């Protein structure tokens, strides 16, 4: 599955990734990769837990899927959590 980073939390570092189906997956980045709004990410964005994800640069990074199939309101809520 592919998605685009729509928002990054300054509070907890989580990403809101809008998937190709128009829903959001909330991803905690576990490795030191620089990610910005607008970056493209692919991988298993629809399964809770640890996943290896692929950044558009070709770099593989560890991510932890906190939630998926979120609407925009839920994604914003989760990005504001500590």
PDB file of N, CA and C in Angstrom:
ATOM      1  N   UNK A   1       0.842  -1.180   0.000  1.00  0.00           N
ATOM      2  CA  UNK A   1       0.000   0.000   0.000  1.00  0.00           C
ATOM      3  C   UNK A   1       0.883   1.238   0.000  1.00  0.00           C
ATOM      4  N   UNK A   2       0.410   2.273  -0.667  1.00  0.00           N
ATOM      5  CA  UNK A   2       1.144   3.527  -0.753  1.00  0.00           C
ATOM      6  C   UNK A   2       0.378   4.625  -0.032  1.00  0.00           C
ATOM      7  N   UNK A   3       1.129   5.613   0.461  1.00  0.00           N
ATOM      8  CA  UNK A   3       0.503   6.743   1.108  1.00  0.00           C
ATOM      9  C   UNK A   3       1.409   7.958   1.079  1.00  0.00           C
ATOM     10  N   UNK A   4       0.830   9.095   1.404  1.00  0.00           N
ATOM     11  CA  UNK A   4       1.554  10.363   1.452  1.00  0.00           C
ATOM     12  C   UNK A   4       1.454  10.919   2.862  1.00  0.00           C
ATOM     13  N   UNK A   5       2.587  11.371   3.398  1.00  0.00           N
ATOM     14  CA  UNK A   5       2.602  11.970   4.728  1.00  0.00           C
ATOM     15  C   UNK A   5       1.852  13.296   4.656  1.00  0.00           C
ATOM     16  N   UNK A   6       0.749  13.372   5.394  1.00  0.00           N
ATOM     17  CA  UNK A   6      -0.087  14.582   5.396  1.00  0.00           C
ATOM     18  C   UNK A   6       0.217  15.482   6.591  1.00  0.00           C
ATOM     19  N   UNK A   7       0.700  14.883   7.696  1.00  0.00           N
ATOM     20  CA  UNK A   7       0.986  15.666   8.901  1.00  0.00           C
ATOM     21  C   UNK A   7       1.992  14.917   9.758  1.00  0.00           C
ATOM     22  N   UNK A   8       2.768  15.692  10.530  1.00  0.00           N
ATOM     23  CA  UNK A   8       3.731  15.132  11.474  1.00  0.00           C
ATOM     24  C   UNK A   8       3.499  15.820  12.808  1.00  0.00           C
ATOM     25  N   UNK A   9       3.339  15.028  13.860  1.00  0.00           N
ATOM     26  CA  UNK A   9       3.094  15.580  15.187  1.00  0.00           C
ATOM     27  C   UNK A   9       4.383  16.116  15.797  1.00  0.00           C
ATOM     28  N   UNK A  10       4.332  17.349  16.300  1.00  0.00           N
ATOM     29  CA  UNK A  10       5.463  17.909  17.037  1.00  0.00           C
ATOM     30  C   UNK A  10       5.466  17.411  18.478  1.00  0.00           C
ATOM     31  N   UNK A  11       4.350  16.834  18.911  1.00  0.00           N
ATOM     32  CA  UNK A  11       4.219  16.347  20.285  1.00  0.00           C
ATOM     33  C   UNK A  11       4.810  14.955  20.438  1.00  0.00           C
ATOM     34  N   UNK A  12       4.411  14.024  19.569  1.00  0.00           N
ATOM     35  CA  UNK A  12       4.834  12.628  19.739  1.00  0.00           C
ATOM     36  C   UNK A  12       5.588  12.070  18.533  1.00  0.00           C
ATOM     37  N   UNK A  13       5.765  12.866  17.489  1.00  0.00           N
ATOM     38  CA  UNK A  13       6.518  12.420  16.326  1.00  0.00           C
ATOM     39  C   UNK A  13       5.778  11.478  15.397  1.00  0.00           C
ATOM     40  N   UNK A  14       4.501  11.231  15.659  1.00  0.00           N
ATOM     41  CA  UNK A  14       3.722  10.335  14.807  1.00  0.00           C
ATOM     42  C   UNK A  14       3.472  10.988  13.445  1.00  0.00           C
ATOM     43  N   UNK A  15       3.304  10.133  12.443  1.00  0.00           N
ATOM     44  CA  UNK A  15       2.953  10.580  11.101  1.00  0.00           C
ATOM     45  C   UNK A  15       1.506  10.235  10.811  1.00  0.00           C
ATOM     46  N   UNK A  16       0.810  11.111  10.126  1.00  0.00           N
ATOM     47  CA  UNK A  16      -0.501  10.782   9.563  1.00  0.00           C
ATOM     48  C   UNK A  16      -0.266  10.561   8.080  1.00  0.00           C
ATOM     49  N   UNK A  17      -0.429   9.311   7.652  1.00  0.00           N
ATOM     50  CA  UNK A  17      -0.179   8.940   6.262  1.00  0.00           C
ATOM     51  C   UNK A  17      -1.518   8.689   5.584  1.00  0.00           C
ATOM     52  N   UNK A  18      -1.831   9.496   4.584  1.00  0.00           N
ATOM     53  CA  UNK A  18      -3.082   9.318   3.840  1.00  0.00           C
ATOM     54  C   UNK A  18      -2.854   8.250   2.779  1.00  0.00           C
ATOM     55  N   UNK A  19      -3.626   7.175   2.875  1.00  0.00           N
ATOM     56  CA  UNK A  19      -3.430   6.045   1.971  1.00  0.00           C
ATOM     57  C   UNK A  19      -4.116   6.282   0.633  1.00  0.00           C
ATOM     58  N   UNK A  20      -3.828   5.398  -0.291  1.00  0.00           N
ATOM     59  CA  UNK A  20      -4.424   5.501  -1.625  1.00  0.00           C
ATOM     60  C   UNK A  20      -5.936   5.338  -1.603  1.00  0.00           C
ATOM     61  N   UNK A  21      -6.498   4.877  -0.463  1.00  0.00           N
ATOM     62  CA  UNK A  21      -7.945   4.720  -0.323  1.00  0.00           C
ATOM     63  C   UNK A  21      -8.586   5.911   0.382  1.00  0.00           C
ATOM     64  N   UNK A  22      -7.781   6.950   0.699  1.00  0.00           N
ATOM     65  CA  UNK A  22      -8.307   8.158   1.308  1.00  0.00           C
ATOM     66  C   UNK A  22      -8.447   8.106   2.812  1.00  0.00           C
ATOM     67  N   UNK A  23      -7.973   7.025   3.433  1.00  0.00           N
ATOM     68  CA  UNK A  23      -8.003   6.905   4.889  1.00  0.00           C
ATOM     69  C   UNK A  23      -6.600   7.175   5.424  1.00  0.00           C
ATOM     70  N   UNK A  24      -6.500   7.277   6.747  1.00  0.00           N
ATOM     71  CA  UNK A  24      -5.218   7.589   7.366  1.00  0.00           C
ATOM     72  C   UNK A  24      -4.705   6.426   8.195  1.00  0.00           C
ATOM     73  N   UNK A  25      -3.387   6.234   8.120  1.00  0.00           N
ATOM     74  CA  UNK A  25      -2.680   5.336   9.021  1.00  0.00           C
ATOM     75  C   UNK A  25      -1.783   6.208   9.882  1.00  0.00           C
ATOM     76  N   UNK A  26      -1.700   5.876  11.165  1.00  0.00           N
ATOM     77  CA  UNK A  26      -0.862   6.624  12.096  1.00  0.00           C
ATOM     78  C   UNK A  26       0.391   5.803  12.355  1.00  0.00           C
ATOM     79  N   UNK A  27       1.547   6.386  12.029  1.00  0.00           N
ATOM     80  CA  UNK A  27       2.812   5.661  12.071  1.00  0.00           C
ATOM     81  C   UNK A  27       3.777   6.337  13.038  1.00  0.00           C
ATOM     82  N   UNK A  28       4.332   5.541  13.951  1.00  0.00           N
ATOM     83  CA  UNK A  28       5.426   5.992  14.807  1.00  0.00           C
ATOM     84  C   UNK A  28       6.723   5.557  14.127  1.00  0.00           C
ATOM     85  N   UNK A  29       7.607   6.506  13.865  1.00  0.00           N
ATOM     86  CA  UNK A  29       8.883   6.189  13.216  1.00  0.00           C
ATOM     87  C   UNK A  29       9.850   5.678  14.277  1.00  0.00           C
ATOM     88  N   UNK A  30      10.413   4.488  14.037  1.00  0.00           N
ATOM     89  CA  UNK A  30      11.296   3.854  15.012  1.00  0.00           C
ATOM     90  C   UNK A  30      12.772   4.016  14.680  1.00  0.00           C
ATOM     91  N   UNK A  31      13.103   4.492  13.511  1.00  0.00           N
ATOM     92  CA  UNK A  31      14.507   4.649  13.139  1.00  0.00           C
ATOM     93  C   UNK A  31      14.767   6.083  12.711  1.00  0.00           C
ATOM     94  N   UNK A  32      16.028   6.449  12.681  1.00  0.00           N
ATOM     95  CA  UNK A  32      16.410   7.825  12.404  1.00  0.00           C
ATOM     96  C   UNK A  32      16.385   8.183  10.934  1.00  0.00           C
ATOM     97  N   UNK A  33      15.219   8.427  10.419  1.00  0.00           N
ATOM     98  CA  UNK A  33      15.066   8.843   9.025  1.00  0.00           C
ATOM     99  C   UNK A  33      14.382  10.206   9.024  1.00  0.00           C
ATOM    100  N   UNK A  34      14.785  11.036   8.107  1.00  0.00           N
ATOM    101  CA  UNK A  34      14.166  12.353   7.988  1.00  0.00           C
ATOM    102  C   UNK A  34      12.948  12.246   7.072  1.00  0.00           C
ATOM    103  N   UNK A  35      11.791  12.559   7.617  1.00  0.00           N
ATOM    104  CA  UNK A  35      10.546  12.489   6.859  1.00  0.00           C
ATOM    105  C   UNK A  35       9.853  13.841   6.944  1.00  0.00           C
ATOM    106  N   UNK A  36       9.312  14.267   5.816  1.00  0.00           N
ATOM    107  CA  UNK A  36       8.624  15.549   5.759  1.00  0.00           C
ATOM    108  C   UNK A  36       7.232  15.383   5.164  1.00  0.00           C
ATOM    109  N   UNK A  37       6.378  16.354   5.439  1.00  0.00           N
ATOM    110  CA  UNK A  37       5.038  16.360   4.853  1.00  0.00           C
ATOM    111  C   UNK A  37       5.181  16.336   3.329  1.00  0.00           C
ATOM    112  N   UNK A  38       4.393  15.478   2.697  1.00  0.00           N
ATOM    113  CA  UNK A  38       4.437  15.326   1.251  1.00  0.00           C
ATOM    114  C   UNK A  38       5.249  14.132   0.785  1.00  0.00           C
ATOM    115  N   UNK A  39       6.064  13.555   1.684  1.00  0.00           N
ATOM    116  CA  UNK A  39       6.853  12.374   1.320  1.00  0.00           C
ATOM    117  C   UNK A  39       5.932  11.186   1.078  1.00  0.00           C
ATOM    118  N   UNK A  40       6.354  10.309   0.183  1.00  0.00           N
ATOM    119  CA  UNK A  40       5.592   9.097  -0.124  1.00  0.00           C
ATOM    120  C   UNK A  40       6.201   7.915   0.613  1.00  0.00           C
ATOM    121  N   UNK A  41       5.315   7.088   1.172  1.00  0.00           N
ATOM    122  CA  UNK A  41       5.711   5.911   1.941  1.00  0.00           C
ATOM    123  C   UNK A  41       4.915   4.729   1.417  1.00  0.00           C
ATOM    124  N   UNK A  42       5.551   3.568   1.384  1.00  0.00           N
ATOM    125  CA  UNK A  42       4.819   2.362   1.001  1.00  0.00           C
ATOM    126  C   UNK A  42       5.174   1.225   1.945  1.00  0.00           C
ATOM    127  N   UNK A  43       4.281   0.262   2.012  1.00  0.00           N
ATOM    128  CA  UNK A  43       4.446  -0.886   2.894  1.00  0.00           C
ATOM    129  C   UNK A  43       3.099  -1.282   3.458  1.00  0.00           C
ATOM    130  N   UNK A  44       3.125  -2.145   4.446  1.00  0.00           N
ATOM    131  CA  UNK A  44       1.885  -2.609   5.072  1.00  0.00           C
ATOM    132  C   UNK A  44       1.398  -1.550   6.058  1.00  0.00           C
ATOM    133  N   UNK A  45       0.547  -0.670   5.593  1.00  0.00           N
ATOM    134  CA  UNK A  45       0.023   0.419   6.424  1.00  0.00           C
ATOM    135  C   UNK A  45      -1.312   0.060   7.060  1.00  0.00           C
ATOM    136  N   UNK A  46      -1.735  -1.191   6.906  1.00  0.00           N
ATOM    137  CA  UNK A  46      -3.037  -1.625   7.428  1.00  0.00           C
ATOM    138  C   UNK A  46      -2.911  -2.785   8.412  1.00  0.00           C
ATOM    139  N   UNK A  47      -1.878  -2.748   9.228  1.00  0.00           N
ATOM    140  CA  UNK A  47      -1.684  -3.801  10.218  1.00  0.00           C
ATOM    141  C   UNK A  47      -1.028  -3.188  11.439  1.00  0.00           C
ATOM    142  N   UNK A  48      -1.627  -3.360  12.604  1.00  0.00           N
ATOM    143  CA  UNK A  48      -1.057  -2.798  13.823  1.00  0.00           C
ATOM    144  C   UNK A  48       0.273  -3.463  14.144  1.00  0.00           C
ATOM    145  N   UNK A  49       1.200  -2.667  14.665  1.00  0.00           N
ATOM    146  CA  UNK A  49       2.478  -3.212  15.103  1.00  0.00           C
ATOM    147  C   UNK A  49       3.634  -2.795  14.213  1.00  0.00           C
ATOM    148  N   UNK A  50       4.767  -3.426  14.454  1.00  0.00           N
ATOM    149  CA  UNK A  50       5.999  -3.087  13.760  1.00  0.00           C
ATOM    150  C   UNK A  50       6.007  -3.528  12.311  1.00  0.00           C
ATOM    151  N   UNK A  51       6.493  -2.646  11.453  1.00  0.00           N
ATOM    152  CA  UNK A  51       6.571  -2.925  10.016  1.00  0.00           C
ATOM    153  C   UNK A  51       7.818  -2.262   9.441  1.00  0.00           C
ATOM    154  N   UNK A  52       8.407  -2.891   8.439  1.00  0.00           N
ATOM    155  CA  UNK A  52       9.433  -2.238   7.637  1.00  0.00           C
ATOM    156  C   UNK A  52       8.711  -1.485   6.530  1.00  0.00           C
ATOM    157  N   UNK A  53       8.976  -0.188   6.436  1.00  0.00           N
ATOM    158  CA  UNK A  53       8.314   0.660   5.451  1.00  0.00           C
ATOM    159  C   UNK A  53       9.359   1.228   4.501  1.00  0.00           C
ATOM    160  N   UNK A  54       8.933   1.583   3.316  1.00  0.00           N
ATOM    161  CA  UNK A  54       9.835   2.099   2.290  1.00  0.00           C
ATOM    162  C   UNK A  54       9.535   3.568   2.027  1.00  0.00           C
ATOM    163  N   UNK A  55      10.552   4.403   2.206  1.00  0.00           N
ATOM    164  CA  UNK A  55      10.453   5.830   1.903  1.00  0.00           C
ATOM    165  C   UNK A  55      10.708   6.018   0.410  1.00  0.00           C
ATOM    166  N   UNK A  56      10.165   7.076  -0.174  1.00  0.00           N
ATOM    167  CA  UNK A  56      10.331   7.323  -1.608  1.00  0.00           C
ATOM    168  C   UNK A  56      11.793   7.451  -2.022  1.00  0.00           C
ATOM    169  N   UNK A  57      12.683   7.736  -1.079  1.00  0.00           N
ATOM    170  CA  UNK A  57      14.119   7.844  -1.370  1.00  0.00           C
ATOM    171  C   UNK A  57      14.755   6.475  -1.587  1.00  0.00           C
ATOM    172  N   UNK A  58      13.997   5.411  -1.269  1.00  0.00           N
ATOM    173  CA  UNK A  58      14.522   4.054  -1.370  1.00  0.00           C
ATOM    174  C   UNK A  58      14.998   3.504  -0.046  1.00  0.00           C
ATOM    175  N   UNK A  59      14.984   4.342   0.996  1.00  0.00           N
ATOM    176  CA  UNK A  59      15.435   3.913   2.320  1.00  0.00           C
ATOM    177  C   UNK A  59      14.321   3.150   3.040  1.00  0.00           C
ATOM    178  N   UNK A  60      14.687   1.995   3.579  1.00  0.00           N
ATOM    179  CA  UNK A  60      13.758   1.206   4.388  1.00  0.00           C
ATOM    180  C   UNK A  60      13.913   1.665   5.833  1.00  0.00           C
ATOM    181  N   UNK A  61      12.787   1.844   6.526  1.00  0.00           N
ATOM    182  CA  UNK A  61      12.849   2.271   7.924  1.00  0.00           C
ATOM    183  C   UNK A  61      11.819   1.513   8.746  1.00  0.00           C
ATOM    184  N   UNK A  62      12.089   1.435  10.025  1.00  0.00           N
ATOM    185  CA  UNK A  62      11.170   0.772  10.939  1.00  0.00           C
ATOM    186  C   UNK A  62      10.075   1.718  11.376  1.00  0.00           C
ATOM    187  N   UNK A  63       8.854   1.234  11.311  1.00  0.00           N
ATOM    188  CA  UNK A  63       7.711   2.013  11.769  1.00  0.00           C
ATOM    189  C   UNK A  63       6.793   1.142  12.601  1.00  0.00           C
ATOM    190  N   UNK A  64       6.025   1.767  13.467  1.00  0.00           N
ATOM    191  CA  UNK A  64       5.044   1.053  14.282  1.00  0.00           C
ATOM    192  C   UNK A  64       3.684   1.651  13.960  1.00  0.00           C
ATOM    193  N   UNK A  65       2.817   0.844  13.387  1.00  0.00           N
ATOM    194  CA  UNK A  65       1.486   1.317  13.015  1.00  0.00           C
ATOM    195  C   UNK A  65       0.628   1.371  14.275  1.00  0.00           C
ATOM    196  N   UNK A  66       0.262   2.586  14.675  1.00  0.00           N
ATOM    197  CA  UNK A  66      -0.524   2.799  15.886  1.00  0.00           C
ATOM    198  C   UNK A  66      -2.022   2.625  15.631  1.00  0.00           C
ATOM    199  N   UNK A  67      -2.467   2.986  14.432  1.00  0.00           N
ATOM    200  CA  UNK A  67      -3.882   2.875  14.066  1.00  0.00           C
ATOM    201  C   UNK A  67      -3.978   2.972  12.546  1.00  0.00           C
ATOM    202  N   UNK A  68      -5.075   2.503  11.994  1.00  0.00           N
ATOM    203  CA  UNK A  68      -5.279   2.566  10.549  1.00  0.00           C
ATOM    204  C   UNK A  68      -6.765   2.643  10.242  1.00  0.00           C
ATOM    205  N   UNK A  69      -7.098   2.918   8.993  1.00  0.00           N
ATOM    206  CA  UNK A  69      -8.481   3.160   8.549  1.00  0.00           C
ATOM    207  C   UNK A  69      -9.114   4.324   9.320  1.00  0.00           C
ATOM    208  N   UNK A  70      -8.296   5.327   9.658  1.00  0.00           N
ATOM    209  CA  UNK A  70      -8.789   6.491  10.406  1.00  0.00           C
ATOM    210  C   UNK A  70      -9.348   7.537   9.442  1.00  0.00           C
ATOM    211  N   UNK A  71     -10.361   8.251   9.921  1.00  0.00           N
ATOM    212  CA  UNK A  71     -10.783   9.428   9.175  1.00  0.00           C
ATOM    213  C   UNK A  71      -9.892  10.593   9.615  1.00  0.00           C
ATOM    214  N   UNK A  72     -10.044  11.738   8.981  1.00  0.00           N
ATOM    215  CA  UNK A  72      -9.176  12.870   9.276  1.00  0.00           C
ATOM    216  C   UNK A  72      -9.303  13.327  10.730  1.00  0.00           C
ATOM    217  N   UNK A  73     -10.509  13.324  11.268  1.00  0.00           N
ATOM    218  CA  UNK A  73     -10.731  13.761  12.643  1.00  0.00           C
ATOM    219  C   UNK A  73      -9.974  12.873  13.628  1.00  0.00           C
ATOM    220  N   UNK A  74     -10.037  11.571  13.448  1.00  0.00           N
ATOM    221  CA  UNK A  74      -9.323  10.632  14.336  1.00  0.00           C
ATOM    222  C   UNK A  74      -7.812  10.800  14.181  1.00  0.00           C
ATOM    223  N   UNK A  75      -7.339  10.998  12.966  1.00  0.00           N
ATOM    224  CA  UNK A  75      -5.906  11.182  12.741  1.00  0.00           C
ATOM    225  C   UNK A  75      -5.396  12.419  13.478  1.00  0.00           C
ATOM    226  N   UNK A  76      -6.118  13.513  13.386  1.00  0.00           N
ATOM    227  CA  UNK A  76      -5.730  14.745  14.081  1.00  0.00           C
ATOM    228  C   UNK A  76      -5.714  14.508  15.587  1.00  0.00           C
ATOM    229  N   UNK A  77      -6.717  13.824  16.113  1.00  0.00           N
ATOM    230  CA  UNK A  77      -6.784  13.513  17.538  1.00  0.00           C
ATOM    231  C   UNK A  77      -5.548  12.726  17.980  1.00  0.00           C
ATOM    232  N   UNK A  78      -5.181  11.696  17.237  1.00  0.00           N
ATOM    233  CA  UNK A  78      -4.048  10.850  17.615  1.00  0.00           C
ATOM    234  C   UNK A  78      -2.719  11.599  17.533  1.00  0.00           C
ATOM    235  N   UNK A  79      -2.594  12.515  16.610  1.00  0.00           N
ATOM    236  CA  UNK A  79      -1.356  13.279  16.500  1.00  0.00           C
ATOM    237  C   UNK A  79      -1.193  14.284  17.636  1.00  0.00           C
ATOM    238  N   UNK A  80      -2.271  14.583  18.345  1.00  0.00           N
ATOM    239  CA  UNK A  80      -2.200  15.524  19.465  1.00  0.00           C
ATOM    240  C   UNK A  80      -1.955  14.836  20.802  1.00  0.00           C
ATOM    241  N   UNK A  81      -1.906  13.499  20.816  1.00  0.00           N
ATOM    242  CA  UNK A  81      -1.707  12.747  22.057  1.00  0.00           C
ATOM    243  C   UNK A  81      -0.233  12.755  22.451  1.00  0.00           C
ATOM    244  N   UNK A  82       0.010  12.694  23.769  1.00  0.00           N
ATOM    245  CA  UNK A  82       1.394  12.634  24.273  1.00  0.00           C
ATOM    246  C   UNK A  82       1.846  11.212  24.398  1.00  0.00           C
TER     247      UNK A  82
END
